[in-house]
């Protein structure tokens, strides 16, 4: 279904997929995991993050979060 896309700002793309419009099939080509505290990964032009005391729990009981099987 066609759509109207407004102003766009892309600072960088590192091996990712950028899609504008209709898409039938998109799949990731790599996987990773990042642990960060609240407000640590905010991006943009004008960021104002006010977070009090926080902690990050990096414990993850899953064996695998996203498999690469079948993503060629």
PDB file of N, CA and C in Angstrom:
ATOM      1  N   UNK A   1       0.837  -1.159   0.000  1.00  0.00           N
ATOM      2  CA  UNK A   1       0.000   0.000   0.000  1.00  0.00           C
ATOM      3  C   UNK A   1       0.891   1.235   0.000  1.00  0.00           C
ATOM      4  N   UNK A   2       0.781   2.083  -0.988  1.00  0.00           N
ATOM      5  CA  UNK A   2       1.639   3.267  -1.071  1.00  0.00           C
ATOM      6  C   UNK A   2       1.418   4.213   0.108  1.00  0.00           C
ATOM      7  N   UNK A   3       2.472   4.910   0.472  1.00  0.00           N
ATOM      8  CA  UNK A   3       2.377   5.864   1.567  1.00  0.00           C
ATOM      9  C   UNK A   3       3.222   7.085   1.255  1.00  0.00           C
ATOM     10  N   UNK A   4       2.985   8.153   1.984  1.00  0.00           N
ATOM     11  CA  UNK A   4       3.758   9.376   1.839  1.00  0.00           C
ATOM     12  C   UNK A   4       4.756   9.420   2.985  1.00  0.00           C
ATOM     13  N   UNK A   5       6.032   9.581   2.638  1.00  0.00           N
ATOM     14  CA  UNK A   5       7.096   9.619   3.633  1.00  0.00           C
ATOM     15  C   UNK A   5       7.530  11.066   3.800  1.00  0.00           C
ATOM     16  N   UNK A   6       7.559  11.537   5.030  1.00  0.00           N
ATOM     17  CA  UNK A   6       7.931  12.916   5.316  1.00  0.00           C
ATOM     18  C   UNK A   6       9.432  13.105   5.349  1.00  0.00           C
ATOM     19  N   UNK A   7       9.906  14.156   6.002  1.00  0.00           N
ATOM     20  CA  UNK A   7      11.350  14.414   6.085  1.00  0.00           C
ATOM     21  C   UNK A   7      12.093  13.259   6.756  1.00  0.00           C
ATOM     22  N   UNK A   8      13.273  12.944   6.233  1.00  0.00           N
ATOM     23  CA  UNK A   8      14.054  11.806   6.720  1.00  0.00           C
ATOM     24  C   UNK A   8      15.482  12.266   6.998  1.00  0.00           C
ATOM     25  N   UNK A   9      16.045  11.785   8.090  1.00  0.00           N
ATOM     26  CA  UNK A   9      17.451  12.030   8.399  1.00  0.00           C
ATOM     27  C   UNK A   9      18.088  10.706   8.770  1.00  0.00           C
ATOM     28  N   UNK A  10      19.054  10.249   7.980  1.00  0.00           N
ATOM     29  CA  UNK A  10      19.796   9.023   8.266  1.00  0.00           C
ATOM     30  C   UNK A  10      21.250   9.425   8.464  1.00  0.00           C
ATOM     31  N   UNK A  11      21.759   9.263   9.690  1.00  0.00           N
ATOM     32  CA  UNK A  11      23.144   9.624   9.963  1.00  0.00           C
ATOM     33  C   UNK A  11      24.116   8.584   9.435  1.00  0.00           C
ATOM     34  N   UNK A  12      23.820   7.322   9.670  1.00  0.00           N
ATOM     35  CA  UNK A  12      24.698   6.266   9.172  1.00  0.00           C
ATOM     36  C   UNK A  12      23.945   4.951   9.147  1.00  0.00           C
ATOM     37  N   UNK A  13      24.379   4.077   8.252  1.00  0.00           N
ATOM     38  CA  UNK A  13      23.847   2.721   8.165  1.00  0.00           C
ATOM     39  C   UNK A  13      25.046   1.801   8.062  1.00  0.00           C
ATOM     40  N   UNK A  14      25.189   0.893   9.014  1.00  0.00           N
ATOM     41  CA  UNK A  14      26.316  -0.023   9.001  1.00  0.00           C
ATOM     42  C   UNK A  14      25.852  -1.448   8.790  1.00  0.00           C
ATOM     43  N   UNK A  15      25.745  -1.862   7.544  1.00  0.00           N
ATOM     44  CA  UNK A  15      25.352  -3.232   7.241  1.00  0.00           C
ATOM     45  C   UNK A  15      23.901  -3.541   7.502  1.00  0.00           C
ATOM     46  N   UNK A  16      23.083  -2.541   7.627  1.00  0.00           N
ATOM     47  CA  UNK A  16      21.669  -2.747   7.920  1.00  0.00           C
ATOM     48  C   UNK A  16      20.801  -2.647   6.682  1.00  0.00           C
ATOM     49  N   UNK A  17      19.515  -2.720   6.882  1.00  0.00           N
ATOM     50  CA  UNK A  17      18.543  -2.631   5.805  1.00  0.00           C
ATOM     51  C   UNK A  17      17.743  -1.355   5.994  1.00  0.00           C
ATOM     52  N   UNK A  18      17.729  -0.507   4.980  1.00  0.00           N
ATOM     53  CA  UNK A  18      16.899   0.690   4.989  1.00  0.00           C
ATOM     54  C   UNK A  18      15.853   0.499   3.918  1.00  0.00           C
ATOM     55  N   UNK A  19      14.589   0.523   4.309  1.00  0.00           N
ATOM     56  CA  UNK A  19      13.509   0.256   3.370  1.00  0.00           C
ATOM     57  C   UNK A  19      12.501   1.393   3.423  1.00  0.00           C
ATOM     58  N   UNK A  20      12.150   1.904   2.266  1.00  0.00           N
ATOM     59  CA  UNK A  20      11.101   2.904   2.146  1.00  0.00           C
ATOM     60  C   UNK A  20      10.039   2.330   1.231  1.00  0.00           C
ATOM     61  N   UNK A  21       8.837   2.210   1.708  1.00  0.00           N
ATOM     62  CA  UNK A  21       7.756   1.680   0.885  1.00  0.00           C
ATOM     63  C   UNK A  21       7.388   0.277   1.306  1.00  0.00           C
ATOM     64  N   UNK A  22       6.735  -0.429   0.386  1.00  0.00           N
ATOM     65  CA  UNK A  22       6.252  -1.774   0.666  1.00  0.00           C
ATOM     66  C   UNK A  22       7.408  -2.765   0.713  1.00  0.00           C
ATOM     67  N   UNK A  23       7.293  -3.751   1.576  1.00  0.00           N
ATOM     68  CA  UNK A  23       8.319  -4.777   1.705  1.00  0.00           C
ATOM     69  C   UNK A  23       7.645  -6.125   1.893  1.00  0.00           C
ATOM     70  N   UNK A  24       8.070  -7.093   1.119  1.00  0.00           N
ATOM     71  CA  UNK A  24       7.539  -8.446   1.257  1.00  0.00           C
ATOM     72  C   UNK A  24       8.339  -9.245   2.266  1.00  0.00           C
ATOM     73  N   UNK A  25       9.667  -9.134   2.231  1.00  0.00           N
ATOM     74  CA  UNK A  25      10.512  -9.973   3.067  1.00  0.00           C
ATOM     75  C   UNK A  25      11.784  -9.225   3.427  1.00  0.00           C
ATOM     76  N   UNK A  26      12.012  -9.006   4.718  1.00  0.00           N
ATOM     77  CA  UNK A  26      13.247  -8.421   5.219  1.00  0.00           C
ATOM     78  C   UNK A  26      13.778  -9.331   6.327  1.00  0.00           C
ATOM     79  N   UNK A  27      15.069  -9.595   6.314  1.00  0.00           N
ATOM     80  CA  UNK A  27      15.639 -10.439   7.359  1.00  0.00           C
ATOM     81  C   UNK A  27      16.993  -9.885   7.788  1.00  0.00           C
ATOM     82  N   UNK A  28      17.326 -10.004   9.074  1.00  0.00           N
ATOM     83  CA  UNK A  28      18.628  -9.505   9.537  1.00  0.00           C
ATOM     84  C   UNK A  28      19.763 -10.378   9.046  1.00  0.00           C
ATOM     85  N   UNK A  29      20.915  -9.774   8.859  1.00  0.00           N
ATOM     86  CA  UNK A  29      22.102 -10.503   8.427  1.00  0.00           C
ATOM     87  C   UNK A  29      23.095 -10.700   9.555  1.00  0.00           C
ATOM     88  N   UNK A  30      22.848 -10.098  10.695  1.00  0.00           N
ATOM     89  CA  UNK A  30      23.721 -10.303  11.846  1.00  0.00           C
ATOM     90  C   UNK A  30      22.893 -10.119  13.110  1.00  0.00           C
ATOM     91  N   UNK A  31      23.392 -10.672  14.195  1.00  0.00           N
ATOM     92  CA  UNK A  31      22.722 -10.517  15.482  1.00  0.00           C
ATOM     93  C   UNK A  31      23.748 -10.100  16.523  1.00  0.00           C
ATOM     94  N   UNK A  32      23.286  -9.383  17.526  1.00  0.00           N
ATOM     95  CA  UNK A  32      24.154  -8.987  18.628  1.00  0.00           C
ATOM     96  C   UNK A  32      23.288  -8.665  19.836  1.00  0.00           C
ATOM     97  N   UNK A  33      23.921  -8.522  20.963  1.00  0.00           N
ATOM     98  CA  UNK A  33      23.208  -8.196  22.196  1.00  0.00           C
ATOM     99  C   UNK A  33      23.981  -7.102  22.919  1.00  0.00           C
ATOM    100  N   UNK A  34      23.243  -6.115  23.414  1.00  0.00           N
ATOM    101  CA  UNK A  34      23.854  -4.994  24.116  1.00  0.00           C
ATOM    102  C   UNK A  34      23.119  -4.749  25.420  1.00  0.00           C
ATOM    103  N   UNK A  35      23.865  -4.561  26.481  1.00  0.00           N
ATOM    104  CA  UNK A  35      23.293  -4.193  27.778  1.00  0.00           C
ATOM    105  C   UNK A  35      23.695  -2.758  28.082  1.00  0.00           C
ATOM    106  N   UNK A  36      22.699  -1.911  28.357  1.00  0.00           N
ATOM    107  CA  UNK A  36      22.985  -0.522  28.675  1.00  0.00           C
ATOM    108  C   UNK A  36      21.947  -0.027  29.670  1.00  0.00           C
ATOM    109  N   UNK A  37      22.310   0.966  30.451  1.00  0.00           N
ATOM    110  CA  UNK A  37      21.400   1.525  31.440  1.00  0.00           C
ATOM    111  C   UNK A  37      20.340   2.405  30.797  1.00  0.00           C
ATOM    112  N   UNK A  38      19.451   2.926  31.624  1.00  0.00           N
ATOM    113  CA  UNK A  38      18.353   3.729  31.091  1.00  0.00           C
ATOM    114  C   UNK A  38      18.891   5.016  30.473  1.00  0.00           C
ATOM    115  N   UNK A  39      18.435   5.302  29.261  1.00  0.00           N
ATOM    116  CA  UNK A  39      18.847   6.508  28.561  1.00  0.00           C
ATOM    117  C   UNK A  39      20.223   6.449  27.942  1.00  0.00           C
ATOM    118  N   UNK A  40      20.904   5.325  27.997  1.00  0.00           N
ATOM    119  CA  UNK A  40      22.276   5.250  27.496  1.00  0.00           C
ATOM    120  C   UNK A  40      22.347   5.184  25.970  1.00  0.00           C
ATOM    121  N   UNK A  41      21.343   4.648  25.316  1.00  0.00           N
ATOM    122  CA  UNK A  41      21.402   4.476  23.865  1.00  0.00           C
ATOM    123  C   UNK A  41      20.465   5.427  23.118  1.00  0.00           C
ATOM    124  N   UNK A  42      20.104   6.549  23.721  1.00  0.00           N
ATOM    125  CA  UNK A  42      19.275   7.519  23.031  1.00  0.00           C
ATOM    126  C   UNK A  42      20.069   8.199  21.927  1.00  0.00           C
ATOM    127  N   UNK A  43      19.434   8.399  20.784  1.00  0.00           N
ATOM    128  CA  UNK A  43      20.077   9.098  19.681  1.00  0.00           C
ATOM    129  C   UNK A  43      19.144  10.195  19.187  1.00  0.00           C
ATOM    130  N   UNK A  44      19.716  11.235  18.655  1.00  0.00           N
ATOM    131  CA  UNK A  44      18.921  12.326  18.115  1.00  0.00           C
ATOM    132  C   UNK A  44      19.690  13.625  18.180  1.00  0.00           C
ATOM    133  N   UNK A  45      19.021  14.688  17.794  1.00  0.00           N
ATOM    134  CA  UNK A  45      19.677  15.997  17.759  1.00  0.00           C
ATOM    135  C   UNK A  45      19.691  16.671  19.131  1.00  0.00           C
ATOM    136  N   UNK A  46      18.568  16.642  19.837  1.00  0.00           N
ATOM    137  CA  UNK A  46      18.461  17.329  21.131  1.00  0.00           C
ATOM    138  C   UNK A  46      17.948  16.340  22.166  1.00  0.00           C
ATOM    139  N   UNK A  47      18.865  15.757  22.946  1.00  0.00           N
ATOM    140  CA  UNK A  47      18.512  14.739  23.930  1.00  0.00           C
ATOM    141  C   UNK A  47      18.603  15.329  25.327  1.00  0.00           C
ATOM    142  N   UNK A  48      17.560  15.127  26.119  1.00  0.00           N
ATOM    143  CA  UNK A  48      17.564  15.514  27.524  1.00  0.00           C
ATOM    144  C   UNK A  48      17.015  14.323  28.302  1.00  0.00           C
ATOM    145  N   UNK A  49      17.899  13.559  28.917  1.00  0.00           N
ATOM    146  CA  UNK A  49      17.509  12.349  29.634  1.00  0.00           C
ATOM    147  C   UNK A  49      17.664  12.580  31.128  1.00  0.00           C
ATOM    148  N   UNK A  50      16.569  12.414  31.849  1.00  0.00           N
ATOM    149  CA  UNK A  50      16.587  12.552  33.299  1.00  0.00           C
ATOM    150  C   UNK A  50      16.196  11.211  33.905  1.00  0.00           C
ATOM    151  N   UNK A  51      17.189  10.450  34.322  1.00  0.00           N
ATOM    152  CA  UNK A  51      16.901   9.163  34.948  1.00  0.00           C
ATOM    153  C   UNK A  51      17.600   9.124  36.304  1.00  0.00           C
ATOM    154  N   UNK A  52      16.871   8.663  37.284  1.00  0.00           N
ATOM    155  CA  UNK A  52      17.422   8.588  38.627  1.00  0.00           C
ATOM    156  C   UNK A  52      18.340   7.392  38.776  1.00  0.00           C
ATOM    157  N   UNK A  53      18.355   6.808  39.924  1.00  0.00           N
ATOM    158  CA  UNK A  53      19.178   5.628  40.169  1.00  0.00           C
ATOM    159  C   UNK A  53      18.625   4.467  39.351  1.00  0.00           C
ATOM    160  N   UNK A  54      19.499   3.817  38.600  1.00  0.00           N
ATOM    161  CA  UNK A  54      19.069   2.688  37.787  1.00  0.00           C
ATOM    162  C   UNK A  54      20.166   1.645  37.757  1.00  0.00           C
ATOM    163  N   UNK A  55      19.795   0.445  37.371  1.00  0.00           N
ATOM    164  CA  UNK A  55      20.780  -0.632  37.220  1.00  0.00           C
ATOM    165  C   UNK A  55      20.376  -1.501  36.036  1.00  0.00           C
ATOM    166  N   UNK A  56      21.369  -2.125  35.430  1.00  0.00           N
ATOM    167  CA  UNK A  56      21.145  -2.992  34.289  1.00  0.00           C
ATOM    168  C   UNK A  56      21.465  -4.418  34.694  1.00  0.00           C
ATOM    169  N   UNK A  57      20.530  -5.329  34.430  1.00  0.00           N
ATOM    170  CA  UNK A  57      20.743  -6.734  34.737  1.00  0.00           C
ATOM    171  C   UNK A  57      21.127  -7.462  33.451  1.00  0.00           C
ATOM    172  N   UNK A  58      22.405  -7.793  33.254  1.00  0.00           N
ATOM    173  CA  UNK A  58      22.827  -8.458  32.024  1.00  0.00           C
ATOM    174  C   UNK A  58      22.560  -9.963  32.011  1.00  0.00           C
ATOM    175  N   UNK A  59      21.963 -10.502  33.072  1.00  0.00           N
ATOM    176  CA  UNK A  59      21.694 -11.937  33.108  1.00  0.00           C
ATOM    177  C   UNK A  59      20.582 -12.282  32.133  1.00  0.00           C
ATOM    178  N   UNK A  60      20.829 -13.262  31.260  1.00  0.00           N
ATOM    179  CA  UNK A  60      19.841 -13.695  30.273  1.00  0.00           C
ATOM    180  C   UNK A  60      19.818 -15.221  30.258  1.00  0.00           C
ATOM    181  N   UNK A  61      18.747 -15.851  30.732  1.00  0.00           N
ATOM    182  CA  UNK A  61      18.711 -17.305  30.818  1.00  0.00           C
ATOM    183  C   UNK A  61      18.519 -18.011  29.477  1.00  0.00           C
ATOM    184  N   UNK A  62      18.206 -17.265  28.414  1.00  0.00           N
ATOM    185  CA  UNK A  62      18.025 -17.903  27.110  1.00  0.00           C
ATOM    186  C   UNK A  62      19.350 -18.412  26.573  1.00  0.00           C
ATOM    187  N   UNK A  63      19.294 -19.520  25.866  1.00  0.00           N
ATOM    188  CA  UNK A  63      20.497 -20.037  25.205  1.00  0.00           C
ATOM    189  C   UNK A  63      20.773 -19.236  23.945  1.00  0.00           C
ATOM    190  N   UNK A  64      19.735 -18.975  23.188  1.00  0.00           N
ATOM    191  CA  UNK A  64      19.884 -18.242  21.944  1.00  0.00           C
ATOM    192  C   UNK A  64      18.681 -17.322  21.764  1.00  0.00           C
ATOM    193  N   UNK A  65      18.916 -16.058  21.482  1.00  0.00           N
ATOM    194  CA  UNK A  65      17.836 -15.106  21.309  1.00  0.00           C
ATOM    195  C   UNK A  65      17.326 -15.066  19.859  1.00  0.00           C
ATOM    196  N   UNK A  66      18.236 -15.011  18.914  1.00  0.00           N
ATOM    197  CA  UNK A  66      17.837 -14.962  17.504  1.00  0.00           C
ATOM    198  C   UNK A  66      18.852 -15.770  16.699  1.00  0.00           C
ATOM    199  N   UNK A  67      18.386 -16.847  16.104  1.00  0.00           N
ATOM    200  CA  UNK A  67      19.277 -17.715  15.352  1.00  0.00           C
ATOM    201  C   UNK A  67      19.553 -17.156  13.959  1.00  0.00           C
ATOM    202  N   UNK A  68      20.733 -17.452  13.443  1.00  0.00           N
ATOM    203  CA  UNK A  68      21.087 -17.039  12.090  1.00  0.00           C
ATOM    204  C   UNK A  68      20.755 -18.109  11.053  1.00  0.00           C
ATOM    205  N   UNK A  69      20.171 -19.201  11.464  1.00  0.00           N
ATOM    206  CA  UNK A  69      19.866 -20.293  10.550  1.00  0.00           C
ATOM    207  C   UNK A  69      18.880 -19.840   9.488  1.00  0.00           C
ATOM    208  N   UNK A  70      19.217 -20.036   8.242  1.00  0.00           N
ATOM    209  CA  UNK A  70      18.319 -19.701   7.131  1.00  0.00           C
ATOM    210  C   UNK A  70      18.421 -18.268   6.663  1.00  0.00           C
ATOM    211  N   UNK A  71      19.213 -17.428   7.320  1.00  0.00           N
ATOM    212  CA  UNK A  71      19.390 -16.048   6.868  1.00  0.00           C
ATOM    213  C   UNK A  71      20.623 -15.962   6.000  1.00  0.00           C
ATOM    214  N   UNK A  72      20.431 -16.132   4.731  1.00  0.00           N
ATOM    215  CA  UNK A  72      21.581 -16.096   3.814  1.00  0.00           C
ATOM    216  C   UNK A  72      21.803 -14.732   3.272  1.00  0.00           C
TER     217      UNK A  72
END
